Amino acid sequence: MTAIQILHNPRCSKSRQTLALLEEKGVEPEIIKYLDTPPSAAELKTILAKLGISARDLLRKGEDDYKKLNLKDPDLSEAALIDAMVNHPKLIERPIVINNDKARLGRPPESVLDIV
């Protein structure tokens, strides 16, 4: 069985709630502190495909870097948005739970239960 992974930020309440929910269900995921070890562009593309969303949909629009980097610009390509998230991982919405070929955002935390 492939280990379930969570892209986790321990300072984020939703991330902590999602991890606690998984553990309550007997799931011991591999915890990836993505701020310490950000995903590569290729990994992020794979995660986006598993989530079924675009890079723009994964951006945290309230972050200072979002404004500083002018990521609101509708002409920015998917690759440019992915590069921004790789270089500024705080921009990645969290938490993300990955199980084989499926992934879910833990917003709300219960949304991850259908893939575990």
PDB file of N, CA and C in Angstrom:
ATOM      1  N   MET A   1       0.841  -1.184   0.000  1.00  0.00           N
ATOM      2  CA  MET A   1       0.000   0.000   0.000  1.00  0.00           C
ATOM      3  C   MET A   1       0.889   1.251   0.000  1.00  0.00           C
ATOM      4  N   THR A   2       0.581   2.196  -0.828  1.00  0.00           N
ATOM      5  CA  THR A   2       1.312   3.447  -0.879  1.00  0.00           C
ATOM      6  C   THR A   2       0.920   4.313   0.305  1.00  0.00           C
ATOM      7  N   ALA A   3       1.922   4.938   0.892  1.00  0.00           N
ATOM      8  CA  ALA A   3       1.658   5.799   2.038  1.00  0.00           C
ATOM      9  C   ALA A   3       0.852   7.024   1.617  1.00  0.00           C
ATOM     10  N   ILE A   4      -0.059   7.402   2.454  1.00  0.00           N
ATOM     11  CA  ILE A   4      -0.800   8.648   2.251  1.00  0.00           C
ATOM     12  C   ILE A   4       0.102   9.775   2.717  1.00  0.00           C
ATOM     13  N   GLN A   5       0.115  10.854   1.969  1.00  0.00           N
ATOM     14  CA  GLN A   5       0.943  12.003   2.297  1.00  0.00           C
ATOM     15  C   GLN A   5       0.060  13.206   2.599  1.00  0.00           C
ATOM     16  N   ILE A   6       0.588  14.081   3.444  1.00  0.00           N
ATOM     17  CA  ILE A   6      -0.070  15.360   3.687  1.00  0.00           C
ATOM     18  C   ILE A   6       0.985  16.460   3.554  1.00  0.00           C
ATOM     19  N   LEU A   7       0.697  17.430   2.692  1.00  0.00           N
ATOM     20  CA  LEU A   7       1.518  18.625   2.623  1.00  0.00           C
ATOM     21  C   LEU A   7       0.999  19.509   3.742  1.00  0.00           C
ATOM     22  N   HIS A   8       1.836  19.673   4.747  1.00  0.00           N
ATOM     23  CA  HIS A   8       1.389  20.165   6.048  1.00  0.00           C
ATOM     24  C   HIS A   8       2.155  21.405   6.472  1.00  0.00           C
ATOM     25  N   ASN A   9       1.427  22.335   7.083  1.00  0.00           N
ATOM     26  CA  ASN A   9       2.028  23.484   7.738  1.00  0.00           C
ATOM     27  C   ASN A   9       1.527  23.448   9.179  1.00  0.00           C
ATOM     28  N   PRO A  10       2.396  23.098  10.141  1.00  0.00           N
ATOM     29  CA  PRO A  10       1.947  22.964  11.521  1.00  0.00           C
ATOM     30  C   PRO A  10       1.399  24.255  12.132  1.00  0.00           C
ATOM     31  N   ARG A  11       1.673  25.396  11.526  1.00  0.00           N
ATOM     32  CA  ARG A  11       1.152  26.669  12.043  1.00  0.00           C
ATOM     33  C   ARG A  11      -0.270  26.957  11.548  1.00  0.00           C
ATOM     34  N   CYS A  12      -0.771  26.177  10.618  1.00  0.00           N
ATOM     35  CA  CYS A  12      -2.097  26.390  10.023  1.00  0.00           C
ATOM     36  C   CYS A  12      -3.132  25.532  10.750  1.00  0.00           C
ATOM     37  N   SER A  13      -4.199  26.162  11.216  1.00  0.00           N
ATOM     38  CA  SER A  13      -5.223  25.423  11.962  1.00  0.00           C
ATOM     39  C   SER A  13      -5.910  24.367  11.097  1.00  0.00           C
ATOM     40  N   LYS A  14      -6.207  24.684   9.838  1.00  0.00           N
ATOM     41  CA  LYS A  14      -6.867  23.698   8.968  1.00  0.00           C
ATOM     42  C   LYS A  14      -5.943  22.506   8.719  1.00  0.00           C
ATOM     43  N   SER A  15      -4.654  22.782   8.601  1.00  0.00           N
ATOM     44  CA  SER A  15      -3.690  21.712   8.392  1.00  0.00           C
ATOM     45  C   SER A  15      -3.625  20.811   9.633  1.00  0.00           C
ATOM     46  N   ARG A  16      -3.574  21.412  10.803  1.00  0.00           N
ATOM     47  CA  ARG A  16      -3.556  20.637  12.058  1.00  0.00           C
ATOM     48  C   ARG A  16      -4.849  19.838  12.220  1.00  0.00           C
ATOM     49  N   GLN A  17      -5.991  20.451  11.882  1.00  0.00           N
ATOM     50  CA  GLN A  17      -7.279  19.756  11.995  1.00  0.00           C
ATOM     51  C   GLN A  17      -7.348  18.571  11.036  1.00  0.00           C
ATOM     52  N   THR A  18      -6.841  18.764   9.822  1.00  0.00           N
ATOM     53  CA  THR A  18      -6.870  17.684   8.835  1.00  0.00           C
ATOM     54  C   THR A  18      -5.981  16.527   9.277  1.00  0.00           C
ATOM     55  N   LEU A  19      -4.795  16.833   9.771  1.00  0.00           N
ATOM     56  CA  LEU A  19      -3.896  15.789  10.265  1.00  0.00           C
ATOM     57  C   LEU A  19      -4.533  15.047  11.437  1.00  0.00           C
ATOM     58  N   ALA A  20      -5.143  15.765  12.365  1.00  0.00           N
ATOM     59  CA  ALA A  20      -5.795  15.129  13.517  1.00  0.00           C
ATOM     60  C   ALA A  20      -6.947  14.229  13.056  1.00  0.00           C
ATOM     61  N   LEU A  21      -7.706  14.678  12.077  1.00  0.00           N
ATOM     62  CA  LEU A  21      -8.814  13.881  11.554  1.00  0.00           C
ATOM     63  C   LEU A  21      -8.301  12.584  10.932  1.00  0.00           C
ATOM     64  N   LEU A  22      -7.238  12.673  10.139  1.00  0.00           N
ATOM     65  CA  LEU A  22      -6.646  11.463   9.548  1.00  0.00           C
ATOM     66  C   LEU A  22      -6.205  10.497  10.642  1.00  0.00           C
ATOM     67  N   GLU A  23      -5.531  11.030  11.647  1.00  0.00           N
ATOM     68  CA  GLU A  23      -5.046  10.177  12.727  1.00  0.00           C
ATOM     69  C   GLU A  23      -6.195   9.550  13.506  1.00  0.00           C
ATOM     70  N   GLU A  24      -7.299  10.289  13.686  1.00  0.00           N
ATOM     71  CA  GLU A  24      -8.497   9.731  14.339  1.00  0.00           C
ATOM     72  C   GLU A  24      -9.040   8.541  13.562  1.00  0.00           C
ATOM     73  N   LYS A  25      -8.898   8.590  12.236  1.00  0.00           N
ATOM     74  CA  LYS A  25      -9.401   7.516  11.374  1.00  0.00           C
ATOM     75  C   LYS A  25      -8.392   6.386  11.231  1.00  0.00           C
ATOM     76  N   GLY A  26      -7.285   6.458  11.988  1.00  0.00           N
ATOM     77  CA  GLY A  26      -6.283   5.395  11.945  1.00  0.00           C
ATOM     78  C   GLY A  26      -5.290   5.533  10.803  1.00  0.00           C
ATOM     79  N   VAL A  27      -5.279   6.670  10.149  1.00  0.00           N
ATOM     80  CA  VAL A  27      -4.361   6.912   9.035  1.00  0.00           C
ATOM     81  C   VAL A  27      -3.135   7.635   9.576  1.00  0.00           C
ATOM     82  N   GLU A  28      -1.963   7.071   9.318  1.00  0.00           N
ATOM     83  CA  GLU A  28      -0.702   7.706   9.715  1.00  0.00           C
ATOM     84  C   GLU A  28      -0.002   8.181   8.442  1.00  0.00           C
ATOM     85  N   PRO A  29      -0.311   9.400   7.999  1.00  0.00           N
ATOM     86  CA  PRO A  29       0.254   9.867   6.729  1.00  0.00           C
ATOM     87  C   PRO A  29       1.725  10.244   6.855  1.00  0.00           C
ATOM     88  N   GLU A  30       2.394  10.209   5.728  1.00  0.00           N
ATOM     89  CA  GLU A  30       3.739  10.777   5.650  1.00  0.00           C
ATOM     90  C   GLU A  30       3.545  12.296   5.673  1.00  0.00           C
ATOM     91  N   ILE A  31       4.164  12.950   6.631  1.00  0.00           N
ATOM     92  CA  ILE A  31       3.990  14.396   6.786  1.00  0.00           C
ATOM     93  C   ILE A  31       5.109  15.112   6.039  1.00  0.00           C
ATOM     94  N   ILE A  32       4.710  15.924   5.079  1.00  0.00           N
ATOM     95  CA  ILE A  32       5.662  16.714   4.306  1.00  0.00           C
ATOM     96  C   ILE A  32       5.464  18.173   4.694  1.00  0.00           C
ATOM     97  N   LYS A  33       6.441  18.724   5.390  1.00  0.00           N
ATOM     98  CA  LYS A  33       6.382  20.136   5.753  1.00  0.00           C
ATOM     99  C   LYS A  33       6.846  20.925   4.533  1.00  0.00           C
ATOM    100  N   TYR A  34       5.883  21.269   3.698  1.00  0.00           N
ATOM    101  CA  TYR A  34       6.188  21.814   2.380  1.00  0.00           C
ATOM    102  C   TYR A  34       6.865  23.181   2.416  1.00  0.00           C
ATOM    103  N   LEU A  35       6.793  23.879   3.542  1.00  0.00           N
ATOM    104  CA  LEU A  35       7.524  25.144   3.638  1.00  0.00           C
ATOM    105  C   LEU A  35       9.021  24.885   3.792  1.00  0.00           C
ATOM    106  N   ASP A  36       9.377  23.733   4.406  1.00  0.00           N
ATOM    107  CA  ASP A  36      10.778  23.348   4.565  1.00  0.00           C
ATOM    108  C   ASP A  36      11.315  22.650   3.322  1.00  0.00           C
ATOM    109  N   THR A  37      10.477  21.830   2.705  1.00  0.00           N
ATOM    110  CA  THR A  37      10.876  21.104   1.492  1.00  0.00           C
ATOM    111  C   THR A  37       9.788  21.296   0.435  1.00  0.00           C
ATOM    112  N   PRO A  38       9.816  22.427  -0.271  1.00  0.00           N
ATOM    113  CA  PRO A  38       8.772  22.722  -1.262  1.00  0.00           C
ATOM    114  C   PRO A  38       8.787  21.701  -2.406  1.00  0.00           C
ATOM    115  N   PRO A  39       7.619  21.444  -2.973  1.00  0.00           N
ATOM    116  CA  PRO A  39       7.575  20.557  -4.141  1.00  0.00           C
ATOM    117  C   PRO A  39       8.250  21.236  -5.333  1.00  0.00           C
ATOM    118  N   SER A  40       8.803  20.403  -6.208  1.00  0.00           N
ATOM    119  CA  SER A  40       9.373  20.920  -7.451  1.00  0.00           C
ATOM    120  C   SER A  40       8.225  21.290  -8.387  1.00  0.00           C
ATOM    121  N   ALA A  41       8.564  21.938  -9.488  1.00  0.00           N
ATOM    122  CA  ALA A  41       7.532  22.283 -10.478  1.00  0.00           C
ATOM    123  C   ALA A  41       6.859  21.016 -10.996  1.00  0.00           C
ATOM    124  N   ALA A  42       7.641  19.974 -11.262  1.00  0.00           N
ATOM    125  CA  ALA A  42       7.071  18.717 -11.768  1.00  0.00           C
ATOM    126  C   ALA A  42       6.144  18.090 -10.725  1.00  0.00           C
ATOM    127  N   GLU A  43       6.564  18.097  -9.456  1.00  0.00           N
ATOM    128  CA  GLU A  43       5.714  17.545  -8.392  1.00  0.00           C
ATOM    129  C   GLU A  43       4.434  18.351  -8.258  1.00  0.00           C
ATOM    130  N   LEU A  44       4.546  19.660  -8.351  1.00  0.00           N
ATOM    131  CA  LEU A  44       3.362  20.514  -8.233  1.00  0.00           C
ATOM    132  C   LEU A  44       2.397  20.275  -9.388  1.00  0.00           C
ATOM    133  N   LYS A  45       2.918  20.078 -10.595  1.00  0.00           N
ATOM    134  CA  LYS A  45       2.052  19.756 -11.743  1.00  0.00           C
ATOM    135  C   LYS A  45       1.306  18.456 -11.496  1.00  0.00           C
ATOM    136  N   THR A  46       2.009  17.465 -10.945  1.00  0.00           N
ATOM    137  CA  THR A  46       1.380  16.177 -10.654  1.00  0.00           C
ATOM    138  C   THR A  46       0.291  16.345  -9.596  1.00  0.00           C
ATOM    139  N   ILE A  47       0.583  17.117  -8.561  1.00  0.00           N
ATOM    140  CA  ILE A  47      -0.403  17.357  -7.501  1.00  0.00           C
ATOM    141  C   ILE A  47      -1.625  18.078  -8.068  1.00  0.00           C
ATOM    142  N   LEU A  48      -1.403  19.068  -8.904  1.00  0.00           N
ATOM    143  CA  LEU A  48      -2.524  19.793  -9.519  1.00  0.00           C
ATOM    144  C   LEU A  48      -3.392  18.853 -10.348  1.00  0.00           C
ATOM    145  N   ALA A  49      -2.749  17.952 -11.095  1.00  0.00           N
ATOM    146  CA  ALA A  49      -3.504  16.989 -11.898  1.00  0.00           C
ATOM    147  C   ALA A  49      -4.344  16.082 -10.990  1.00  0.00           C
ATOM    148  N   LYS A  50      -3.763  15.652  -9.873  1.00  0.00           N
ATOM    149  CA  LYS A  50      -4.503  14.792  -8.938  1.00  0.00           C
ATOM    150  C   LYS A  50      -5.662  15.546  -8.285  1.00  0.00           C
ATOM    151  N   LEU A  51      -5.458  16.841  -8.045  1.00  0.00           N
ATOM    152  CA  LEU A  51      -6.522  17.663  -7.473  1.00  0.00           C
ATOM    153  C   LEU A  51      -7.587  18.019  -8.510  1.00  0.00           C
ATOM    154  N   GLY A  52      -7.181  18.033  -9.789  1.00  0.00           N
ATOM    155  CA  GLY A  52      -8.106  18.409 -10.856  1.00  0.00           C
ATOM    156  C   GLY A  52      -8.383  19.902 -10.900  1.00  0.00           C
ATOM    157  N   ILE A  53      -7.379  20.709 -10.494  1.00  0.00           N
ATOM    158  CA  ILE A  53      -7.552  22.161 -10.500  1.00  0.00           C
ATOM    159  C   ILE A  53      -6.359  22.823 -11.188  1.00  0.00           C
ATOM    160  N   SER A  54      -6.505  24.106 -11.453  1.00  0.00           N
ATOM    161  CA  SER A  54      -5.416  24.863 -12.080  1.00  0.00           C
ATOM    162  C   SER A  54      -4.505  25.426 -10.997  1.00  0.00           C
ATOM    163  N   ALA A  55      -3.337  25.878 -11.416  1.00  0.00           N
ATOM    164  CA  ALA A  55      -2.394  26.506 -10.487  1.00  0.00           C
ATOM    165  C   ALA A  55      -3.033  27.723  -9.816  1.00  0.00           C
ATOM    166  N   ARG A  56      -3.774  28.495 -10.575  1.00  0.00           N
ATOM    167  CA  ARG A  56      -4.416  29.686 -10.014  1.00  0.00           C
ATOM    168  C   ARG A  56      -5.366  29.305  -8.872  1.00  0.00           C
ATOM    169  N   ASP A  57      -6.034  28.154  -8.997  1.00  0.00           N
ATOM    170  CA  ASP A  57      -6.968  27.707  -7.959  1.00  0.00           C
ATOM    171  C   ASP A  57      -6.263  27.270  -6.677  1.00  0.00           C
ATOM    172  N   LEU A  58      -4.951  26.998  -6.760  1.00  0.00           N
ATOM    173  CA  LEU A  58      -4.192  26.540  -5.600  1.00  0.00           C
ATOM    174  C   LEU A  58      -3.466  27.688  -4.893  1.00  0.00           C
ATOM    175  N   LEU A  59      -3.524  28.868  -5.473  1.00  0.00           N
ATOM    176  CA  LEU A  59      -2.838  30.020  -4.889  1.00  0.00           C
ATOM    177  C   LEU A  59      -3.568  30.575  -3.678  1.00  0.00           C
ATOM    178  N   ARG A  60      -2.794  30.938  -2.669  1.00  0.00           N
ATOM    179  CA  ARG A  60      -3.332  31.648  -1.501  1.00  0.00           C
ATOM    180  C   ARG A  60      -3.299  33.131  -1.837  1.00  0.00           C
ATOM    181  N   LYS A  61      -4.442  33.653  -2.176  1.00  0.00           N
ATOM    182  CA  LYS A  61      -4.525  35.025  -2.695  1.00  0.00           C
ATOM    183  C   LYS A  61      -4.371  36.100  -1.623  1.00  0.00           C
ATOM    184  N   GLY A  62      -4.419  35.729  -0.369  1.00  0.00           N
ATOM    185  CA  GLY A  62      -4.269  36.696   0.703  1.00  0.00           C
ATOM    186  C   GLY A  62      -2.827  36.919   1.139  1.00  0.00           C
ATOM    187  N   GLU A  63      -1.912  36.146   0.590  1.00  0.00           N
ATOM    188  CA  GLU A  63      -0.499  36.270   0.977  1.00  0.00           C
ATOM    189  C   GLU A  63       0.120  37.532   0.389  1.00  0.00           C
ATOM    190  N   ASP A  64       1.037  38.124   1.136  1.00  0.00           N
ATOM    191  CA  ASP A  64       1.749  39.310   0.654  1.00  0.00           C
ATOM    192  C   ASP A  64       2.463  39.053  -0.666  1.00  0.00           C
ATOM    193  N   ASP A  65       3.073  37.859  -0.793  1.00  0.00           N
ATOM    194  CA  ASP A  65       3.794  37.526  -2.030  1.00  0.00           C
ATOM    195  C   ASP A  65       2.867  37.524  -3.247  1.00  0.00           C
ATOM    196  N   TYR A  66       1.601  37.185  -3.036  1.00  0.00           N
ATOM    197  CA  TYR A  66       0.636  37.186  -4.138  1.00  0.00           C
ATOM    198  C   TYR A  66       0.535  38.596  -4.723  1.00  0.00           C
ATOM    199  N   LYS A  67       0.449  39.557  -3.829  1.00  0.00           N
ATOM    200  CA  LYS A  67       0.340  40.952  -4.273  1.00  0.00           C
ATOM    201  C   LYS A  67       1.670  41.463  -4.828  1.00  0.00           C
ATOM    202  N   LYS A  68       2.770  41.188  -4.108  1.00  0.00           N
ATOM    203  CA  LYS A  68       4.097  41.662  -4.524  1.00  0.00           C
ATOM    204  C   LYS A  68       4.485  41.145  -5.910  1.00  0.00           C
ATOM    205  N   LEU A  69       4.123  39.895  -6.182  1.00  0.00           N
ATOM    206  CA  LEU A  69       4.495  39.266  -7.453  1.00  0.00           C
ATOM    207  C   LEU A  69       3.456  39.508  -8.554  1.00  0.00           C
ATOM    208  N   ASN A  70       2.416  40.271  -8.238  1.00  0.00           N
ATOM    209  CA  ASN A  70       1.351  40.585  -9.196  1.00  0.00           C
ATOM    210  C   ASN A  70       0.750  39.314  -9.815  1.00  0.00           C
ATOM    211  N   LEU A  71       0.479  38.328  -8.971  1.00  0.00           N
ATOM    212  CA  LEU A  71      -0.041  37.051  -9.466  1.00  0.00           C
ATOM    213  C   LEU A  71      -1.510  37.133  -9.862  1.00  0.00           C
ATOM    214  N   LYS A  72      -2.139  38.269  -9.595  1.00  0.00           N
ATOM    215  CA  LYS A  72      -3.521  38.475 -10.023  1.00  0.00           C
ATOM    216  C   LYS A  72      -3.604  38.647 -11.547  1.00  0.00           C
ATOM    217  N   ASP A  73      -2.484  38.983 -12.165  1.00  0.00           N
ATOM    218  CA  ASP A  73      -2.419  39.225 -13.607  1.00  0.00           C
ATOM    219  C   ASP A  73      -2.983  38.019 -14.375  1.00  0.00           C
ATOM    220  N   PRO A  74      -4.106  38.190 -15.090  1.00  0.00           N
ATOM    221  CA  PRO A  74      -4.731  37.062 -15.785  1.00  0.00           C
ATOM    222  C   PRO A  74      -3.902  36.533 -16.955  1.00  0.00           C
ATOM    223  N   ASP A  75      -2.903  37.295 -17.390  1.00  0.00           N
ATOM    224  CA  ASP A  75      -2.069  36.848 -18.507  1.00  0.00           C
ATOM    225  C   ASP A  75      -0.941  35.917 -18.085  1.00  0.00           C
ATOM    226  N   LEU A  76      -0.745  35.731 -16.788  1.00  0.00           N
ATOM    227  CA  LEU A  76       0.315  34.826 -16.332  1.00  0.00           C
ATOM    228  C   LEU A  76      -0.031  33.390 -16.704  1.00  0.00           C
ATOM    229  N   SER A  77       0.962  32.681 -17.186  1.00  0.00           N
ATOM    230  CA  SER A  77       0.765  31.288 -17.609  1.00  0.00           C
ATOM    231  C   SER A  77       0.707  30.359 -16.404  1.00  0.00           C
ATOM    232  N   GLU A  78       0.214  29.162 -16.642  1.00  0.00           N
ATOM    233  CA  GLU A  78       0.189  28.122 -15.619  1.00  0.00           C
ATOM    234  C   GLU A  78       1.614  27.870 -15.114  1.00  0.00           C
ATOM    235  N   ALA A  79       2.576  27.817 -16.022  1.00  0.00           N
ATOM    236  CA  ALA A  79       3.977  27.580 -15.644  1.00  0.00           C
ATOM    237  C   ALA A  79       4.501  28.702 -14.751  1.00  0.00           C
ATOM    238  N   ALA A  80       4.140  29.941 -15.049  1.00  0.00           N
ATOM    239  CA  ALA A  80       4.596  31.074 -14.239  1.00  0.00           C
ATOM    240  C   ALA A  80       4.007  31.006 -12.831  1.00  0.00           C
ATOM    241  N   LEU A  81       2.752  30.605 -12.732  1.00  0.00           N
ATOM    242  CA  LEU A  81       2.114  30.482 -11.419  1.00  0.00           C
ATOM    243  C   LEU A  81       2.736  29.335 -10.624  1.00  0.00           C
ATOM    244  N   ILE A  82       3.023  28.230 -11.291  1.00  0.00           N
ATOM    245  CA  ILE A  82       3.679  27.092 -10.630  1.00  0.00           C
ATOM    246  C   ILE A  82       5.061  27.505 -10.148  1.00  0.00           C
ATOM    247  N   ASP A  83       5.813  28.203 -10.989  1.00  0.00           N
ATOM    248  CA  ASP A  83       7.140  28.676 -10.585  1.00  0.00           C
ATOM    249  C   ASP A  83       7.053  29.574  -9.359  1.00  0.00           C
ATOM    250  N   ALA A  84       6.043  30.432  -9.315  1.00  0.00           N
ATOM    251  CA  ALA A  84       5.869  31.315  -8.159  1.00  0.00           C
ATOM    252  C   ALA A  84       5.640  30.492  -6.893  1.00  0.00           C
ATOM    253  N   MET A  85       4.841  29.434  -6.978  1.00  0.00           N
ATOM    254  CA  MET A  85       4.571  28.597  -5.812  1.00  0.00           C
ATOM    255  C   MET A  85       5.805  27.802  -5.392  1.00  0.00           C
ATOM    256  N   VAL A  86       6.598  27.360  -6.362  1.00  0.00           N
ATOM    257  CA  VAL A  86       7.827  26.639  -6.041  1.00  0.00           C
ATOM    258  C   VAL A  86       8.795  27.568  -5.298  1.00  0.00           C
ATOM    259  N   ASN A  87       8.925  28.789  -5.778  1.00  0.00           N
ATOM    260  CA  ASN A  87       9.860  29.744  -5.185  1.00  0.00           C
ATOM    261  C   ASN A  87       9.332  30.426  -3.933  1.00  0.00           C
ATOM    262  N   HIS A  88       8.018  30.416  -3.756  1.00  0.00           N
ATOM    263  CA  HIS A  88       7.362  31.032  -2.591  1.00  0.00           C
ATOM    264  C   HIS A  88       6.286  30.061  -2.091  1.00  0.00           C
ATOM    265  N   PRO A  89       6.698  28.973  -1.417  1.00  0.00           N
ATOM    266  CA  PRO A  89       5.734  27.919  -1.056  1.00  0.00           C
ATOM    267  C   PRO A  89       4.606  28.373  -0.137  1.00  0.00           C
ATOM    268  N   LYS A  90       4.752  29.540   0.530  1.00  0.00           N
ATOM    269  CA  LYS A  90       3.638  30.045   1.337  1.00  0.00           C
ATOM    270  C   LYS A  90       2.411  30.306   0.476  1.00  0.00           C
ATOM    271  N   LEU A  91       2.611  30.431  -0.829  1.00  0.00           N
ATOM    272  CA  LEU A  91       1.503  30.691  -1.751  1.00  0.00           C
ATOM    273  C   LEU A  91       0.634  29.457  -2.005  1.00  0.00           C
ATOM    274  N   ILE A  92       1.124  28.273  -1.621  1.00  0.00           N
ATOM    275  CA  ILE A  92       0.386  27.029  -1.876  1.00  0.00           C
ATOM    276  C   ILE A  92      -0.707  26.861  -0.822  1.00  0.00           C
ATOM    277  N   GLU A  93      -1.940  26.693  -1.289  1.00  0.00           N
ATOM    278  CA  GLU A  93      -3.065  26.432  -0.376  1.00  0.00           C
ATOM    279  C   GLU A  93      -2.805  25.115   0.334  1.00  0.00           C
ATOM    280  N   ARG A  94      -3.220  25.039   1.593  1.00  0.00           N
ATOM    281  CA  ARG A  94      -2.949  23.846   2.378  1.00  0.00           C
ATOM    282  C   ARG A  94      -4.136  23.518   3.250  1.00  0.00           C
ATOM    283  N   PRO A  95      -4.135  22.318   3.774  1.00  0.00           N
ATOM    284  CA  PRO A  95      -3.240  21.199   3.508  1.00  0.00           C
ATOM    285  C   PRO A  95      -3.691  20.433   2.274  1.00  0.00           C
ATOM    286  N   ILE A  96      -2.794  19.660   1.730  1.00  0.00           N
ATOM    287  CA  ILE A  96      -3.128  18.794   0.598  1.00  0.00           C
ATOM    288  C   ILE A  96      -2.844  17.360   1.038  1.00  0.00           C
ATOM    289  N   VAL A  97      -3.836  16.497   0.899  1.00  0.00           N
ATOM    290  CA  VAL A  97      -3.673  15.077   1.199  1.00  0.00           C
ATOM    291  C   VAL A  97      -3.637  14.332  -0.125  1.00  0.00           C
ATOM    292  N   ILE A  98      -2.640  13.461  -0.264  1.00  0.00           N
ATOM    293  CA  ILE A  98      -2.426  12.709  -1.497  1.00  0.00           C
ATOM    294  C   ILE A  98      -2.486  11.219  -1.177  1.00  0.00           C
ATOM    295  N   ASN A  99      -3.261  10.501  -1.968  1.00  0.00           N
ATOM    296  CA  ASN A  99      -3.350   9.044  -1.847  1.00  0.00           C
ATOM    297  C   ASN A  99      -3.335   8.473  -3.256  1.00  0.00           C
ATOM    298  N   ASN A 100      -2.182   7.937  -3.654  1.00  0.00           N
ATOM    299  CA  ASN A 100      -1.984   7.382  -4.996  1.00  0.00           C
ATOM    300  C   ASN A 100      -2.298   8.427  -6.059  1.00  0.00           C
ATOM    301  N   ASP A 101      -3.344   8.185  -6.866  1.00  0.00           N
ATOM    302  CA  ASP A 101      -3.628   9.093  -7.981  1.00  0.00           C
ATOM    303  C   ASP A 101      -4.691  10.143  -7.645  1.00  0.00           C
ATOM    304  N   LYS A 102      -5.004  10.277  -6.354  1.00  0.00           N
ATOM    305  CA  LYS A 102      -6.020  11.245  -5.935  1.00  0.00           C
ATOM    306  C   LYS A 102      -5.429  12.196  -4.902  1.00  0.00           C
ATOM    307  N   ALA A 103      -5.960  13.400  -4.865  1.00  0.00           N
ATOM    308  CA  ALA A 103      -5.557  14.377  -3.856  1.00  0.00           C
ATOM    309  C   ALA A 103      -6.757  15.255  -3.530  1.00  0.00           C
ATOM    310  N   ARG A 104      -6.756  15.793  -2.326  1.00  0.00           N
ATOM    311  CA  ARG A 104      -7.814  16.700  -1.888  1.00  0.00           C
ATOM    312  C   ARG A 104      -7.205  17.795  -1.022  1.00  0.00           C
ATOM    313  N   LEU A 105      -7.795  18.966  -1.125  1.00  0.00           N
ATOM    314  CA  LEU A 105      -7.475  20.045  -0.202  1.00  0.00           C
ATOM    315  C   LEU A 105      -8.274  19.819   1.079  1.00  0.00           C
ATOM    316  N   GLY A 106      -7.641  20.023   2.207  1.00  0.00           N
ATOM    317  CA  GLY A 106      -8.321  19.843   3.489  1.00  0.00           C
ATOM    318  C   GLY A 106      -9.074  21.085   3.911  1.00  0.00           C
ATOM    319  N   ARG A 107      -9.890  21.610   3.027  1.00  0.00           N
ATOM    320  CA  ARG A 107     -10.707  22.799   3.302  1.00  0.00           C
ATOM    321  C   ARG A 107     -12.122  22.510   2.842  1.00  0.00           C
ATOM    322  N   PRO A 108     -13.004  22.039   3.680  1.00  0.00           N
ATOM    323  CA  PRO A 108     -12.821  21.738   5.085  1.00  0.00           C
ATOM    324  C   PRO A 108     -12.061  20.420   5.273  1.00  0.00           C
ATOM    325  N   PRO A 109     -11.548  20.150   6.473  1.00  0.00           N
ATOM    326  CA  PRO A 109     -10.758  18.945   6.703  1.00  0.00           C
ATOM    327  C   PRO A 109     -11.457  17.655   6.260  1.00  0.00           C
ATOM    328  N   GLU A 110     -12.775  17.587   6.441  1.00  0.00           N
ATOM    329  CA  GLU A 110     -13.526  16.374   6.097  1.00  0.00           C
ATOM    330  C   GLU A 110     -13.478  16.028   4.614  1.00  0.00           C
ATOM    331  N   SER A 111     -13.133  16.988   3.782  1.00  0.00           N
ATOM    332  CA  SER A 111     -13.121  16.733   2.335  1.00  0.00           C
ATOM    333  C   SER A 111     -12.068  15.717   1.925  1.00  0.00           C
ATOM    334  N   VAL A 112     -11.099  15.425   2.807  1.00  0.00           N
ATOM    335  CA  VAL A 112     -10.060  14.457   2.454  1.00  0.00           C
ATOM    336  C   VAL A 112     -10.494  13.024   2.703  1.00  0.00           C
ATOM    337  N   LEU A 113     -11.569  12.826   3.434  1.00  0.00           N
ATOM    338  CA  LEU A 113     -11.951  11.476   3.849  1.00  0.00           C
ATOM    339  C   LEU A 113     -12.352  10.571   2.696  1.00  0.00           C
ATOM    340  N   ASP A 114     -12.808  11.142   1.592  1.00  0.00           N
ATOM    341  CA  ASP A 114     -13.245  10.282   0.479  1.00  0.00           C
ATOM    342  C   ASP A 114     -12.084   9.672  -0.294  1.00  0.00           C
ATOM    343  N   ILE A 115     -10.848  10.026   0.030  1.00  0.00           N
ATOM    344  CA  ILE A 115      -9.713   9.416  -0.683  1.00  0.00           C
ATOM    345  C   ILE A 115      -8.838   8.551   0.227  1.00  0.00           C
ATOM    346  N   VAL A 116      -9.221   8.434   1.511  1.00  0.00           N
ATOM    347  CA  VAL A 116      -8.407   7.605   2.423  1.00  0.00           C
ATOM    348  C   VAL A 116      -9.073   6.293   2.743  1.00  0.00           C
TER     349      VAL A 116
END
